[in-house]
Amino acid sequence: MEDQKKADRRKKIIGSVLLALLALGVIFGALKYQQSLKNKNSEVEQGTVIYDSKFKSNAPGNLVFPAYTKDIVVKQKDDKLPIVLANPKVNKNVYFQYVLTVEKERGKEYTNIGKSKLIAAGRASNQLQLNKKEMRVVAKGKHKCRLNVYAFTYNKKDNKKIKLNQAYWDFNLTVQ
């Protein structure tokens, strides 16, 4: 009888320890998941607007990148560039990041003068924050410019960012 009580007591202790370990695992997993959501949300551009594009569908596995061909004029002291950086709604679960560069020396080197955060599908930003330090270095006048667009998605299992594709457009930037 005494042995039975000891065995029951051991089973209860082992069960309690296993239950505590399971609870700690669930709590740790929930905290890790919350942290990954915070990281994703901190990378996403805030203040975007709904963007209704003329593209209503795309072939499976393809992305729709909006084209940029219009030359841009900016003042050297400006800290924001008025430009619509869009991600069409058909790019479900895909985020775009825009990087604006200016040619330094005849196609050999580009200087990053602006970079957006991630823009969700069906959203657009109406401006691009410019890098003030780099803009001071860019001389007044007409420059070749490149707008790079990088496409990302997030892995559903662990919420890690995955690069999908990219595109770019060349146009002129006039600095006044």
N, C-alpha and C. Protein backbone atom coordinates (compact mmCIF):
# COMPACT_ATOMS: atom_id res chain seq x y z
N MET A 1 0.82 -1.19 0.00
CA MET A 1 0.00 0.00 0.00
C MET A 1 0.86 1.25 0.00
N GLU A 2 1.90 1.19 0.85
CA GLU A 2 2.83 2.30 0.94
C GLU A 2 3.56 2.50 -0.40
N ASP A 3 3.95 1.41 -1.04
CA ASP A 3 4.61 1.48 -2.34
C ASP A 3 3.69 2.09 -3.40
N GLN A 4 2.42 1.76 -3.29
CA GLN A 4 1.43 2.30 -4.23
C GLN A 4 1.32 3.82 -4.09
N LYS A 5 1.33 4.32 -2.85
CA LYS A 5 1.25 5.75 -2.59
C LYS A 5 2.48 6.47 -3.15
N LYS A 6 3.67 5.85 -2.97
CA LYS A 6 4.90 6.44 -3.49
C LYS A 6 4.86 6.49 -5.02
N ALA A 7 4.37 5.42 -5.62
CA ALA A 7 4.29 5.37 -7.08
C ALA A 7 3.30 6.43 -7.59
N ASP A 8 2.17 6.56 -6.91
CA ASP A 8 1.18 7.58 -7.30
C ASP A 8 1.75 8.99 -7.14
N ARG A 9 2.49 9.18 -6.05
CA ARG A 9 3.10 10.48 -5.81
C ARG A 9 4.13 10.81 -6.90
N ARG A 10 4.96 9.82 -7.28
CA ARG A 10 5.94 10.02 -8.35
C ARG A 10 5.24 10.36 -9.67
N LYS A 11 4.17 9.67 -9.97
CA LYS A 11 3.42 9.93 -11.20
C LYS A 11 2.87 11.37 -11.20
N LYS A 12 2.37 11.80 -10.05
CA LYS A 12 1.84 13.16 -9.95
C LYS A 12 2.95 14.20 -10.14
N ILE A 13 4.10 13.94 -9.53
CA ILE A 13 5.22 14.87 -9.65
C ILE A 13 5.69 14.93 -11.10
N ILE A 14 5.87 13.77 -11.71
CA ILE A 14 6.31 13.72 -13.12
C ILE A 14 5.27 14.39 -14.02
N GLY A 15 4.00 14.12 -13.77
CA GLY A 15 2.93 14.76 -14.55
C GLY A 15 2.94 16.27 -14.38
N SER A 16 3.15 16.74 -13.15
CA SER A 16 3.20 18.18 -12.89
C SER A 16 4.38 18.83 -13.60
N VAL A 17 5.54 18.16 -13.55
CA VAL A 17 6.73 18.69 -14.22
C VAL A 17 6.50 18.75 -15.73
N LEU A 18 5.95 17.70 -16.30
CA LEU A 18 5.68 17.68 -17.74
C LEU A 18 4.66 18.76 -18.13
N LEU A 19 3.64 18.92 -17.30
CA LEU A 19 2.64 19.96 -17.57
C LEU A 19 3.27 21.35 -17.49
N ALA A 20 4.14 21.57 -16.51
CA ALA A 20 4.83 22.87 -16.38
C ALA A 20 5.72 23.11 -17.60
N LEU A 21 6.45 22.09 -18.06
CA LEU A 21 7.30 22.23 -19.24
C LEU A 21 6.46 22.53 -20.48
N LEU A 22 5.33 21.87 -20.61
CA LEU A 22 4.44 22.12 -21.73
C LEU A 22 3.92 23.56 -21.70
N ALA A 23 3.53 24.02 -20.51
CA ALA A 23 3.04 25.40 -20.36
C ALA A 23 4.13 26.40 -20.72
N LEU A 24 5.36 26.15 -20.27
CA LEU A 24 6.47 27.04 -20.60
C LEU A 24 6.73 27.05 -22.11
N GLY A 25 6.64 25.90 -22.74
CA GLY A 25 6.83 25.81 -24.19
C GLY A 25 5.78 26.61 -24.94
N VAL A 26 4.52 26.51 -24.50
CA VAL A 26 3.43 27.26 -25.14
C VAL A 26 3.64 28.77 -24.95
N ILE A 27 4.01 29.17 -23.75
CA ILE A 27 4.25 30.59 -23.48
C ILE A 27 5.42 31.11 -24.31
N PHE A 28 6.51 30.35 -24.35
CA PHE A 28 7.68 30.75 -25.14
C PHE A 28 7.30 30.85 -26.63
N GLY A 29 6.57 29.90 -27.15
CA GLY A 29 6.15 29.93 -28.55
C GLY A 29 5.27 31.14 -28.85
N ALA A 30 4.34 31.44 -27.94
CA ALA A 30 3.45 32.60 -28.13
C ALA A 30 4.25 33.90 -28.12
N LEU A 31 5.20 34.01 -27.22
CA LEU A 31 6.04 35.22 -27.16
C LEU A 31 6.89 35.36 -28.42
N LYS A 32 7.44 34.26 -28.89
CA LYS A 32 8.25 34.28 -30.11
C LYS A 32 7.40 34.70 -31.31
N TYR A 33 6.17 34.20 -31.38
CA TYR A 33 5.26 34.56 -32.46
C TYR A 33 4.91 36.04 -32.40
N GLN A 34 4.62 36.55 -31.21
CA GLN A 34 4.30 37.97 -31.05
C GLN A 34 5.49 38.84 -31.47
N GLN A 35 6.71 38.41 -31.11
CA GLN A 35 7.91 39.16 -31.49
C GLN A 35 8.06 39.20 -33.00
N SER A 36 7.78 38.08 -33.67
CA SER A 36 7.92 38.06 -35.13
C SER A 36 6.89 38.96 -35.79
N LEU A 37 5.69 39.06 -35.21
CA LEU A 37 4.68 39.98 -35.75
C LEU A 37 5.12 41.43 -35.56
N LYS A 38 5.72 41.73 -34.41
CA LYS A 38 6.20 43.09 -34.17
C LYS A 38 7.28 43.45 -35.18
N ASN A 39 8.20 42.52 -35.45
CA ASN A 39 9.26 42.78 -36.43
C ASN A 39 8.65 43.06 -37.79
N LYS A 40 7.67 42.27 -38.20
CA LYS A 40 7.03 42.46 -39.50
C LYS A 40 6.34 43.83 -39.54
N ASN A 41 5.61 44.16 -38.47
CA ASN A 41 4.88 45.43 -38.45
C ASN A 41 5.83 46.63 -38.43
N SER A 42 7.00 46.51 -37.82
CA SER A 42 7.94 47.63 -37.80
C SER A 42 8.58 47.84 -39.17
N GLU A 43 8.57 46.83 -40.02
CA GLU A 43 9.14 46.95 -41.36
C GLU A 43 8.15 47.50 -42.37
N VAL A 44 6.87 47.52 -42.02
CA VAL A 44 5.82 47.94 -42.96
C VAL A 44 5.62 49.46 -42.87
N GLU A 45 5.56 50.08 -44.04
CA GLU A 45 5.38 51.53 -44.15
C GLU A 45 4.05 51.94 -43.50
N GLN A 46 4.11 52.94 -42.62
CA GLN A 46 2.91 53.47 -41.98
C GLN A 46 2.41 54.66 -42.78
N GLY A 47 1.14 54.97 -42.72
CA GLY A 47 0.59 56.13 -43.40
C GLY A 47 0.33 55.91 -44.88
N THR A 48 0.28 54.66 -45.31
CA THR A 48 -0.04 54.40 -46.71
C THR A 48 -1.53 54.57 -46.95
N VAL A 49 -1.89 54.71 -48.21
CA VAL A 49 -3.30 54.86 -48.59
C VAL A 49 -3.71 53.69 -49.45
N ILE A 50 -5.02 53.48 -49.55
CA ILE A 50 -5.53 52.42 -50.41
C ILE A 50 -5.22 52.77 -51.86
N TYR A 51 -4.73 51.79 -52.58
CA TYR A 51 -4.34 52.00 -53.97
C TYR A 51 -5.16 51.06 -54.85
N ASP A 52 -5.98 51.65 -55.72
CA ASP A 52 -6.81 50.85 -56.63
C ASP A 52 -6.18 50.91 -58.01
N SER A 53 -5.58 49.81 -58.42
CA SER A 53 -4.89 49.79 -59.69
C SER A 53 -5.79 49.24 -60.79
N LYS A 54 -5.41 49.50 -62.03
CA LYS A 54 -6.19 48.98 -63.16
C LYS A 54 -5.96 47.49 -63.34
N PHE A 55 -4.93 46.93 -62.70
CA PHE A 55 -4.66 45.50 -62.80
C PHE A 55 -5.58 44.74 -61.86
N LYS A 56 -6.40 43.88 -62.42
CA LYS A 56 -7.36 43.13 -61.61
C LYS A 56 -6.96 41.69 -61.40
N SER A 57 -6.02 41.19 -62.23
CA SER A 57 -5.53 39.82 -62.03
C SER A 57 -4.16 39.69 -62.68
N ASN A 58 -3.46 38.68 -62.27
CA ASN A 58 -2.17 38.38 -62.87
C ASN A 58 -2.02 36.86 -62.97
N ALA A 59 -1.14 36.43 -63.82
CA ALA A 59 -0.93 34.99 -63.99
C ALA A 59 -0.36 34.43 -62.69
N PRO A 60 -0.76 33.22 -62.31
CA PRO A 60 -0.25 32.63 -61.07
C PRO A 60 1.28 32.61 -61.04
N GLY A 61 1.84 33.06 -59.93
CA GLY A 61 3.29 33.09 -59.79
C GLY A 61 3.94 34.35 -60.32
N ASN A 62 3.18 35.23 -60.97
CA ASN A 62 3.73 36.48 -61.49
C ASN A 62 3.37 37.65 -60.60
N LEU A 63 4.22 38.66 -60.61
CA LEU A 63 3.97 39.88 -59.86
C LEU A 63 3.73 41.02 -60.83
N VAL A 64 2.94 42.00 -60.40
CA VAL A 64 2.70 43.19 -61.20
C VAL A 64 3.47 44.34 -60.56
N PHE A 65 4.42 44.90 -61.32
CA PHE A 65 5.19 46.06 -60.87
C PHE A 65 4.71 47.29 -61.62
N PRO A 66 4.31 48.35 -60.92
CA PRO A 66 3.92 49.58 -61.63
C PRO A 66 5.16 50.22 -62.26
N ALA A 67 4.99 50.83 -63.42
CA ALA A 67 6.12 51.44 -64.14
C ALA A 67 6.27 52.91 -63.75
N TYR A 68 7.50 53.36 -63.74
CA TYR A 68 7.83 54.75 -63.45
C TYR A 68 8.72 55.25 -64.58
N THR A 69 8.25 56.24 -65.32
CA THR A 69 9.03 56.76 -66.45
C THR A 69 9.14 58.28 -66.42
N LYS A 70 8.35 58.92 -65.60
CA LYS A 70 8.31 60.39 -65.55
C LYS A 70 9.53 60.94 -64.82
N ASP A 71 10.17 61.94 -65.41
CA ASP A 71 11.30 62.59 -64.76
C ASP A 71 10.82 63.33 -63.52
N ILE A 72 11.71 63.47 -62.55
CA ILE A 72 11.36 64.06 -61.25
C ILE A 72 12.23 65.28 -60.98
N VAL A 73 11.61 66.30 -60.38
CA VAL A 73 12.33 67.50 -59.99
C VAL A 73 12.24 67.60 -58.46
N VAL A 74 13.38 67.86 -57.82
CA VAL A 74 13.42 67.98 -56.37
C VAL A 74 14.41 69.08 -56.00
N LYS A 75 14.16 69.73 -54.87
CA LYS A 75 15.09 70.74 -54.37
C LYS A 75 16.10 70.04 -53.46
N GLN A 76 17.32 70.50 -53.51
CA GLN A 76 18.41 69.88 -52.77
C GLN A 76 18.12 69.81 -51.27
N LYS A 77 17.38 70.77 -50.76
CA LYS A 77 17.10 70.80 -49.32
C LYS A 77 15.86 69.99 -48.93
N ASP A 78 15.11 69.48 -49.92
CA ASP A 78 13.90 68.72 -49.61
C ASP A 78 14.23 67.42 -48.87
N ASP A 79 13.36 67.06 -47.93
CA ASP A 79 13.57 65.80 -47.22
C ASP A 79 12.57 64.73 -47.64
N LYS A 80 11.61 65.12 -48.50
CA LYS A 80 10.63 64.15 -49.00
C LYS A 80 10.44 64.38 -50.49
N LEU A 81 10.26 63.28 -51.20
CA LEU A 81 10.04 63.33 -52.64
C LEU A 81 8.58 62.96 -52.90
N PRO A 82 7.81 63.86 -53.55
CA PRO A 82 6.41 63.53 -53.83
C PRO A 82 6.33 62.55 -55.01
N ILE A 83 6.14 61.27 -54.70
CA ILE A 83 6.03 60.22 -55.71
C ILE A 83 5.13 59.12 -55.17
N VAL A 84 4.29 58.58 -56.02
CA VAL A 84 3.40 57.49 -55.60
C VAL A 84 4.16 56.17 -55.75
N LEU A 85 4.40 55.52 -54.63
CA LEU A 85 5.06 54.21 -54.61
C LEU A 85 3.99 53.18 -54.28
N ALA A 86 3.58 52.45 -55.30
CA ALA A 86 2.40 51.60 -55.16
C ALA A 86 2.74 50.12 -55.22
N ASN A 87 1.84 49.33 -54.65
CA ASN A 87 1.88 47.88 -54.75
C ASN A 87 0.46 47.43 -55.11
N PRO A 88 0.23 47.03 -56.37
CA PRO A 88 -1.13 46.64 -56.78
C PRO A 88 -1.71 45.52 -55.92
N LYS A 89 -3.01 45.58 -55.74
CA LYS A 89 -3.74 44.63 -54.91
C LYS A 89 -3.58 43.18 -55.37
N VAL A 90 -3.35 42.98 -56.67
CA VAL A 90 -3.23 41.60 -57.20
C VAL A 90 -2.00 40.88 -56.66
N ASN A 91 -1.07 41.61 -56.08
CA ASN A 91 0.14 41.00 -55.50
C ASN A 91 -0.14 40.56 -54.06
N LYS A 92 -1.09 39.67 -53.89
CA LYS A 92 -1.52 39.24 -52.55
C LYS A 92 -0.36 38.67 -51.75
N ASN A 93 -0.29 39.06 -50.48
CA ASN A 93 0.74 38.59 -49.55
C ASN A 93 2.16 38.95 -49.98
N VAL A 94 2.29 40.00 -50.81
CA VAL A 94 3.59 40.45 -51.28
C VAL A 94 3.76 41.91 -50.85
N TYR A 95 4.96 42.24 -50.42
CA TYR A 95 5.30 43.59 -50.00
C TYR A 95 6.38 44.13 -50.94
N PHE A 96 6.29 45.42 -51.28
CA PHE A 96 7.29 46.08 -52.12
C PHE A 96 8.11 47.03 -51.26
N GLN A 97 9.40 47.11 -51.58
CA GLN A 97 10.27 48.11 -50.99
C GLN A 97 10.94 48.86 -52.14
N TYR A 98 10.90 50.18 -52.09
CA TYR A 98 11.47 51.02 -53.12
C TYR A 98 12.78 51.65 -52.63
N VAL A 99 13.78 51.66 -53.51
CA VAL A 99 15.06 52.29 -53.20
C VAL A 99 15.41 53.20 -54.38
N LEU A 100 15.58 54.48 -54.10
CA LEU A 100 15.90 55.46 -55.13
C LEU A 100 17.40 55.76 -55.08
N THR A 101 18.05 55.59 -56.24
CA THR A 101 19.49 55.84 -56.32
C THR A 101 19.78 56.83 -57.44
N VAL A 102 20.88 57.56 -57.28
CA VAL A 102 21.33 58.52 -58.29
C VAL A 102 22.71 58.07 -58.76
N GLU A 103 22.90 58.14 -60.09
CA GLU A 103 24.18 57.75 -60.67
C GLU A 103 25.25 58.75 -60.25
N LYS A 104 26.35 58.23 -59.73
CA LYS A 104 27.46 59.10 -59.32
C LYS A 104 28.43 59.34 -60.46
N GLU A 105 28.79 58.26 -61.14
CA GLU A 105 29.83 58.37 -62.16
C GLU A 105 29.52 57.48 -63.36
N ARG A 106 28.81 58.01 -64.32
CA ARG A 106 28.49 57.34 -65.58
C ARG A 106 28.22 55.83 -65.46
N GLY A 107 27.25 55.48 -64.67
CA GLY A 107 26.81 54.09 -64.57
C GLY A 107 27.68 53.19 -63.73
N LYS A 108 28.74 53.72 -63.16
CA LYS A 108 29.65 52.88 -62.38
C LYS A 108 29.21 52.74 -60.93
N GLU A 109 28.61 53.77 -60.40
CA GLU A 109 28.25 53.75 -58.99
C GLU A 109 26.97 54.54 -58.76
N TYR A 110 26.15 54.02 -57.87
CA TYR A 110 24.90 54.69 -57.54
C TYR A 110 24.88 55.03 -56.06
N THR A 111 24.32 56.18 -55.74
CA THR A 111 24.16 56.62 -54.35
C THR A 111 22.70 56.48 -53.96
N ASN A 112 22.46 55.83 -52.83
CA ASN A 112 21.10 55.65 -52.31
C ASN A 112 20.66 56.96 -51.68
N ILE A 113 19.61 57.56 -52.24
CA ILE A 113 19.12 58.83 -51.68
C ILE A 113 17.75 58.69 -51.01
N GLY A 114 17.15 57.50 -51.09
CA GLY A 114 15.86 57.30 -50.44
C GLY A 114 15.46 55.84 -50.45
N LYS A 115 14.80 55.41 -49.36
CA LYS A 115 14.41 54.00 -49.24
C LYS A 115 13.11 53.93 -48.45
N SER A 116 12.13 53.24 -49.01
CA SER A 116 10.86 53.08 -48.30
C SER A 116 10.92 51.87 -47.38
N LYS A 117 9.95 51.79 -46.51
CA LYS A 117 9.74 50.55 -45.78
C LYS A 117 8.88 49.66 -46.69
N LEU A 118 8.43 48.54 -46.19
CA LEU A 118 7.63 47.63 -47.01
C LEU A 118 6.22 48.19 -47.22
N ILE A 119 5.73 48.08 -48.44
CA ILE A 119 4.38 48.55 -48.78
C ILE A 119 3.53 47.34 -49.12
N ALA A 120 2.43 47.18 -48.40
CA ALA A 120 1.56 46.02 -48.56
C ALA A 120 0.79 46.09 -49.88
N ALA A 121 0.32 44.94 -50.34
CA ALA A 121 -0.49 44.87 -51.57
C ALA A 121 -1.76 45.69 -51.40
N GLY A 122 -2.10 46.44 -52.45
CA GLY A 122 -3.30 47.28 -52.40
C GLY A 122 -3.09 48.60 -51.68
N ARG A 123 -1.84 48.93 -51.38
CA ARG A 123 -1.52 50.17 -50.66
C ARG A 123 -0.49 50.98 -51.45
N ALA A 124 -0.37 52.25 -51.13
CA ALA A 124 0.61 53.12 -51.78
C ALA A 124 1.06 54.19 -50.79
N SER A 125 2.30 54.59 -50.95
CA SER A 125 2.84 55.72 -50.20
C SER A 125 2.92 56.90 -51.18
N ASN A 126 2.56 58.08 -50.73
CA ASN A 126 2.55 59.26 -51.60
C ASN A 126 3.85 60.04 -51.56
N GLN A 127 4.84 59.54 -50.84
CA GLN A 127 6.11 60.24 -50.75
C GLN A 127 7.21 59.27 -50.35
N LEU A 128 8.43 59.68 -50.63
CA LEU A 128 9.60 58.90 -50.26
C LEU A 128 10.50 59.77 -49.40
N GLN A 129 10.84 59.27 -48.23
CA GLN A 129 11.75 59.99 -47.34
C GLN A 129 13.14 59.99 -47.96
N LEU A 130 13.74 61.16 -48.12
CA LEU A 130 15.06 61.28 -48.73
C LEU A 130 16.14 61.29 -47.65
N ASN A 131 17.29 60.77 -47.99
CA ASN A 131 18.44 60.76 -47.11
C ASN A 131 19.11 62.13 -47.22
N LYS A 132 18.95 62.96 -46.20
CA LYS A 132 19.44 64.35 -46.23
C LYS A 132 20.95 64.42 -46.46
N LYS A 133 21.68 63.53 -45.81
CA LYS A 133 23.14 63.54 -45.93
C LYS A 133 23.56 63.27 -47.39
N GLU A 134 22.94 62.29 -48.01
CA GLU A 134 23.28 61.96 -49.39
C GLU A 134 22.79 63.02 -50.37
N MET A 135 21.64 63.62 -50.07
CA MET A 135 21.11 64.66 -50.95
C MET A 135 22.02 65.89 -50.99
N ARG A 136 22.71 66.20 -49.89
CA ARG A 136 23.63 67.32 -49.86
C ARG A 136 24.81 67.10 -50.80
N VAL A 137 25.18 65.84 -51.02
CA VAL A 137 26.31 65.50 -51.87
C VAL A 137 25.95 65.56 -53.35
N VAL A 138 24.66 65.34 -53.66
CA VAL A 138 24.21 65.35 -55.05
C VAL A 138 24.20 66.79 -55.56
N ALA A 139 24.95 67.04 -56.61
CA ALA A 139 25.06 68.40 -57.17
C ALA A 139 23.76 68.80 -57.84
N LYS A 140 23.54 70.11 -57.91
CA LYS A 140 22.38 70.62 -58.63
C LYS A 140 22.55 70.30 -60.10
N GLY A 141 21.44 70.01 -60.75
CA GLY A 141 21.47 69.67 -62.16
C GLY A 141 20.70 68.39 -62.45
N LYS A 142 20.85 67.88 -63.66
CA LYS A 142 20.13 66.69 -64.11
C LYS A 142 21.00 65.45 -63.89
N HIS A 143 20.39 64.42 -63.30
CA HIS A 143 21.10 63.18 -62.98
C HIS A 143 20.31 61.98 -63.46
N LYS A 144 21.04 60.93 -63.86
CA LYS A 144 20.36 59.65 -64.13
C LYS A 144 20.01 59.04 -62.79
N CYS A 145 18.82 58.51 -62.74
CA CYS A 145 18.28 58.01 -61.49
C CYS A 145 17.72 56.62 -61.73
N ARG A 146 17.74 55.79 -60.69
CA ARG A 146 17.18 54.44 -60.80
C ARG A 146 16.28 54.20 -59.59
N LEU A 147 15.06 53.73 -59.89
CA LEU A 147 14.13 53.35 -58.83
C LEU A 147 14.07 51.82 -58.81
N ASN A 148 14.66 51.23 -57.79
CA ASN A 148 14.64 49.77 -57.62
C ASN A 148 13.43 49.39 -56.79
N VAL A 149 12.77 48.30 -57.19
CA VAL A 149 11.63 47.79 -56.44
C VAL A 149 11.93 46.33 -56.10
N TYR A 150 11.90 46.04 -54.81
CA TYR A 150 12.17 44.69 -54.33
C TYR A 150 10.87 44.11 -53.78
N ALA A 151 10.57 42.87 -54.15
CA ALA A 151 9.35 42.20 -53.69
C ALA A 151 9.71 41.17 -52.62
N PHE A 152 8.93 41.17 -51.54
CA PHE A 152 9.14 40.25 -50.43
C PHE A 152 7.82 39.62 -50.02
N THR A 153 7.91 38.49 -49.37
CA THR A 153 6.77 37.88 -48.70
C THR A 153 7.27 37.36 -47.37
N TYR A 154 6.36 36.89 -46.56
CA TYR A 154 6.73 36.32 -45.26
C TYR A 154 6.36 34.85 -45.23
N ASN A 155 7.27 34.04 -44.73
CA ASN A 155 7.02 32.61 -44.55
C ASN A 155 5.94 32.45 -43.48
N LYS A 156 4.89 31.72 -43.79
CA LYS A 156 3.78 31.58 -42.85
C LYS A 156 4.18 30.80 -41.60
N LYS A 157 5.14 29.88 -41.74
CA LYS A 157 5.53 29.04 -40.62
C LYS A 157 6.28 29.82 -39.54
N ASP A 158 7.32 30.57 -39.94
CA ASP A 158 8.14 31.26 -38.94
C ASP A 158 8.18 32.78 -39.14
N ASN A 159 7.38 33.29 -40.09
CA ASN A 159 7.25 34.73 -40.32
C ASN A 159 8.56 35.39 -40.75
N LYS A 160 9.44 34.65 -41.39
CA LYS A 160 10.70 35.20 -41.90
C LYS A 160 10.46 35.84 -43.25
N LYS A 161 11.15 36.96 -43.49
CA LYS A 161 11.02 37.69 -44.76
C LYS A 161 11.80 36.95 -45.85
N ILE A 162 11.15 36.80 -47.01
CA ILE A 162 11.75 36.09 -48.15
C ILE A 162 11.72 37.02 -49.36
N LYS A 163 12.88 37.21 -50.00
CA LYS A 163 12.94 38.04 -51.21
C LYS A 163 12.43 37.22 -52.39
N LEU A 164 11.53 37.82 -53.18
CA LEU A 164 10.92 37.13 -54.31
C LEU A 164 11.53 37.54 -55.64
N ASN A 165 11.52 38.82 -55.91
CA ASN A 165 11.90 39.32 -57.23
C ASN A 165 12.24 40.79 -57.11
N GLN A 166 12.67 41.38 -58.21
CA GLN A 166 12.91 42.82 -58.21
C GLN A 166 12.79 43.36 -59.62
N ALA A 167 12.62 44.67 -59.70
CA ALA A 167 12.54 45.37 -60.98
C ALA A 167 13.14 46.75 -60.76
N TYR A 168 13.42 47.45 -61.86
CA TYR A 168 13.89 48.82 -61.72
C TYR A 168 13.50 49.63 -62.95
N TRP A 169 13.48 50.95 -62.75
CA TRP A 169 13.20 51.89 -63.83
C TRP A 169 14.23 53.00 -63.76
N ASP A 170 14.71 53.39 -64.92
CA ASP A 170 15.66 54.50 -65.02
C ASP A 170 14.92 55.73 -65.54
N PHE A 171 15.22 56.87 -64.96
CA PHE A 171 14.65 58.14 -65.40
C PHE A 171 15.58 59.25 -64.93
N ASN A 172 15.23 60.47 -65.19
CA ASN A 172 16.07 61.62 -64.80
C ASN A 172 15.54 62.26 -63.54
N LEU A 173 16.49 62.70 -62.72
CA LEU A 173 16.18 63.44 -61.51
C LEU A 173 16.89 64.78 -61.63
N THR A 174 16.11 65.86 -61.56
CA THR A 174 16.70 67.20 -61.61
C THR A 174 16.71 67.77 -60.20
N VAL A 175 17.89 68.11 -59.73
CA VAL A 175 18.05 68.69 -58.40
C VAL A 175 18.24 70.19 -58.56
N GLN A 176 17.39 70.95 -57.89
CA GLN A 176 17.45 72.42 -57.98
C GLN A 176 18.04 73.00 -56.70
